[in-house]
Amino acid sequence: MDIINDLLKTFTSTVSGLWPQPSEKPDLIDGKLRPCPGTPNCVCSERSGSPEWIEPILFKPMKPGDAWNHLKTVVDDMGGVVRSDKDNYIWSTFTVPLFGFVDDVEFRLDNDSGAIQVRSSSRLGFSDLGVNRSRVEDIRRRFTGKEC
């Protein structure tokens, strides 16, 4: 079974190199996560009232630093790669197996509300068949210890 997993990883890694890289590293805009482009392959917790809105990840009663470290562990356990880790912002990437599509997943630690704001978006295409929304919900379940 390890041989098959290794072959899949190699194939996915090779294919993912064919897809475009972002022209610049994702980052905060005016202290908040970037808005979604209006396509159904993006969700963001900072734009309530829009179709792409998703609930943020609540971390209270955890301390902010503990929550931030726990989030990084969850991302790593799910196969994500943290590309940038600043004071209150993380940019990570997840590669969709087999096809090699890369999705950008960003987090902002919001101490005032006791939440981690999140944005998950595909780099290519129009629809992701709900992959980004499902990923954020999975991150939330794992973060709160409610894996199904």
Protein backbone atom coordinates (compact mmCIF):
# COMPACT_ATOMS: atom_id res chain seq x y z
CA MET A 1 0.00 0.00 0.00
CA ASP A 2 2.91 2.37 0.66
CA ILE A 3 4.02 1.99 -2.96
CA ILE A 4 0.59 3.11 -4.21
CA ASN A 5 0.55 6.08 -1.79
CA ASP A 6 4.06 7.06 -2.87
CA LEU A 7 3.07 6.86 -6.55
CA LEU A 8 -0.04 8.99 -5.93
CA LYS A 9 2.00 11.60 -4.05
CA THR A 10 4.59 11.72 -6.83
CA PHE A 11 1.92 12.05 -9.52
CA THR A 12 0.04 14.74 -7.56
CA SER A 13 3.26 16.64 -6.89
CA THR A 14 4.19 16.54 -10.58
CA VAL A 15 0.74 17.61 -11.77
CA SER A 16 0.45 20.42 -9.21
CA GLY A 17 3.58 21.99 -10.71
CA LEU A 18 1.62 22.54 -13.92
CA TRP A 19 -0.91 24.89 -12.31
CA PRO A 20 -0.16 28.61 -12.00
CA GLN A 21 1.35 30.05 -8.87
CA PRO A 22 -0.19 33.18 -7.31
CA SER A 23 1.33 36.36 -8.71
CA GLU A 24 1.91 37.52 -5.14
CA LYS A 25 1.69 35.92 -1.74
CA PRO A 26 -1.78 36.15 -0.20
CA ASP A 27 -1.91 38.57 2.72
CA LEU A 28 -4.28 40.68 4.78
CA ILE A 29 -5.90 43.77 3.26
CA ASP A 30 -6.50 46.55 5.77
CA GLY A 31 -6.08 44.01 8.58
CA LYS A 32 -8.69 41.56 7.22
CA LEU A 33 -8.77 38.53 4.95
CA ARG A 34 -9.19 39.22 1.24
CA PRO A 35 -12.76 39.08 -0.10
CA CYS A 36 -13.75 36.17 -2.32
CA PRO A 37 -13.83 36.89 -6.06
CA GLY A 38 -17.55 36.11 -6.31
CA THR A 39 -17.14 32.54 -7.55
CA PRO A 40 -18.48 29.47 -5.74
CA ASN A 41 -14.97 28.07 -5.18
CA CYS A 42 -14.21 30.37 -2.25
CA VAL A 43 -15.49 30.82 1.30
CA CYS A 44 -14.60 33.54 3.79
CA SER A 45 -15.75 34.21 7.35
CA GLU A 46 -15.08 37.96 7.23
CA ARG A 47 -17.79 38.82 4.70
CA SER A 48 -21.07 38.08 6.48
CA GLY A 49 -24.21 38.36 4.40
CA SER A 50 -22.55 37.12 1.22
CA PRO A 51 -23.12 33.68 -0.38
CA GLU A 52 -19.50 32.71 0.30
CA TRP A 53 -19.77 33.43 4.04
CA ILE A 54 -18.77 30.68 6.45
CA GLU A 55 -18.68 30.72 10.23
CA PRO A 56 -15.31 31.56 11.84
CA ILE A 57 -13.59 29.07 14.13
CA LEU A 58 -14.27 29.99 17.77
CA PHE A 59 -11.41 29.33 20.16
CA LYS A 60 -12.59 30.54 23.57
CA PRO A 61 -11.91 29.47 26.32
CA MET A 62 -8.46 28.63 24.83
CA LYS A 63 -5.77 31.27 25.06
CA PRO A 64 -5.06 32.89 21.68
CA GLY A 65 -1.49 31.53 21.48
CA ASP A 66 -2.62 28.01 22.33
CA ALA A 67 -5.41 28.23 19.75
CA TRP A 68 -2.96 29.45 17.09
CA ASN A 69 -0.55 26.59 17.76
CA HIS A 70 -3.40 24.06 17.80
CA LEU A 71 -4.61 25.39 14.43
CA LYS A 72 -1.17 24.88 12.88
CA THR A 73 -1.19 21.28 14.14
CA VAL A 74 -4.63 20.70 12.61
CA VAL A 75 -3.50 22.13 9.25
CA ASP A 76 -0.41 19.90 9.30
CA ASP A 77 -2.41 16.81 10.29
CA MET A 78 -4.75 17.42 7.35
CA GLY A 79 -1.87 17.57 4.87
CA GLY A 80 -1.76 21.35 4.54
CA VAL A 81 1.51 23.26 4.30
CA VAL A 82 1.98 26.54 6.17
CA ARG A 83 3.63 28.91 3.69
CA SER A 84 3.62 32.06 5.82
CA ASP A 85 3.13 32.50 9.56
CA LYS A 86 3.03 36.05 10.89
CA ASP A 87 1.78 37.45 14.21
CA ASN A 88 -1.92 36.94 13.57
CA TYR A 89 -1.99 35.59 10.00
CA ILE A 90 -1.32 32.19 8.43
CA TRP A 91 -1.31 31.37 4.73
CA SER A 92 -1.38 27.66 3.99
CA THR A 93 -1.91 25.53 0.91
CA PHE A 94 -3.71 22.25 0.39
CA THR A 95 -3.19 20.13 -2.73
CA VAL A 96 -6.18 18.19 -4.04
CA PRO A 97 -5.04 14.56 -4.47
CA LEU A 98 -4.56 13.13 -7.94
CA PHE A 99 -5.42 16.30 -9.89
CA GLY A 100 -2.87 18.45 -8.05
CA PHE A 101 -5.06 21.56 -7.78
CA VAL A 102 -3.74 23.91 -5.13
CA ASP A 103 -6.10 25.74 -2.77
CA ASP A 104 -5.04 28.67 -0.59
CA VAL A 105 -6.34 28.61 2.98
CA GLU A 106 -5.78 31.69 5.12
CA PHE A 107 -6.42 32.36 8.80
CA ARG A 108 -6.52 35.54 10.88
CA LEU A 109 -6.45 35.42 14.66
CA ASP A 110 -9.17 37.79 15.89
CA ASN A 111 -8.47 38.24 19.62
CA ASP A 112 -11.33 40.70 20.11
CA SER A 113 -14.02 38.23 19.04
CA GLY A 114 -12.28 35.06 20.29
CA ALA A 115 -12.37 33.64 16.77
CA ILE A 116 -10.10 32.57 13.97
CA GLN A 117 -11.30 34.10 10.72
CA VAL A 118 -10.79 31.83 7.72
CA ARG A 119 -10.71 32.06 3.92
CA SER A 120 -10.36 29.02 1.65
CA SER A 121 -10.18 29.44 -2.11
CA SER A 122 -9.29 27.47 -5.23
CA ARG A 123 -6.68 29.04 -7.49
CA LEU A 124 -8.32 27.74 -10.67
CA GLY A 125 -11.78 27.23 -12.04
CA PHE A 126 -15.23 28.40 -11.13
CA SER A 127 -16.78 25.67 -9.00
CA ASP A 128 -15.03 23.37 -6.56
CA LEU A 129 -18.10 21.20 -5.82
CA GLY A 130 -18.02 22.41 -2.21
CA VAL A 131 -14.45 21.32 -1.44
CA ASN A 132 -13.38 24.57 0.24
CA ARG A 133 -16.50 24.78 2.42
CA SER A 134 -16.08 21.12 3.43
CA ARG A 135 -12.40 21.66 4.21
CA VAL A 136 -13.17 24.57 6.55
CA GLU A 137 -15.87 22.54 8.29
CA ASP A 138 -13.39 19.68 8.70
CA ILE A 139 -10.80 22.07 10.14
CA ARG A 140 -13.44 23.36 12.59
CA ARG A 141 -14.38 19.79 13.68
CA ARG A 142 -10.76 18.81 14.19
CA PHE A 143 -9.97 22.07 15.96
CA THR A 144 -12.80 21.63 18.45
CA GLY A 145 -12.15 17.90 18.78
CA LYS A 146 -15.44 16.90 17.19
CA GLU A 147 -14.18 14.70 14.36
CA CYS A 148 -16.90 12.64 12.73
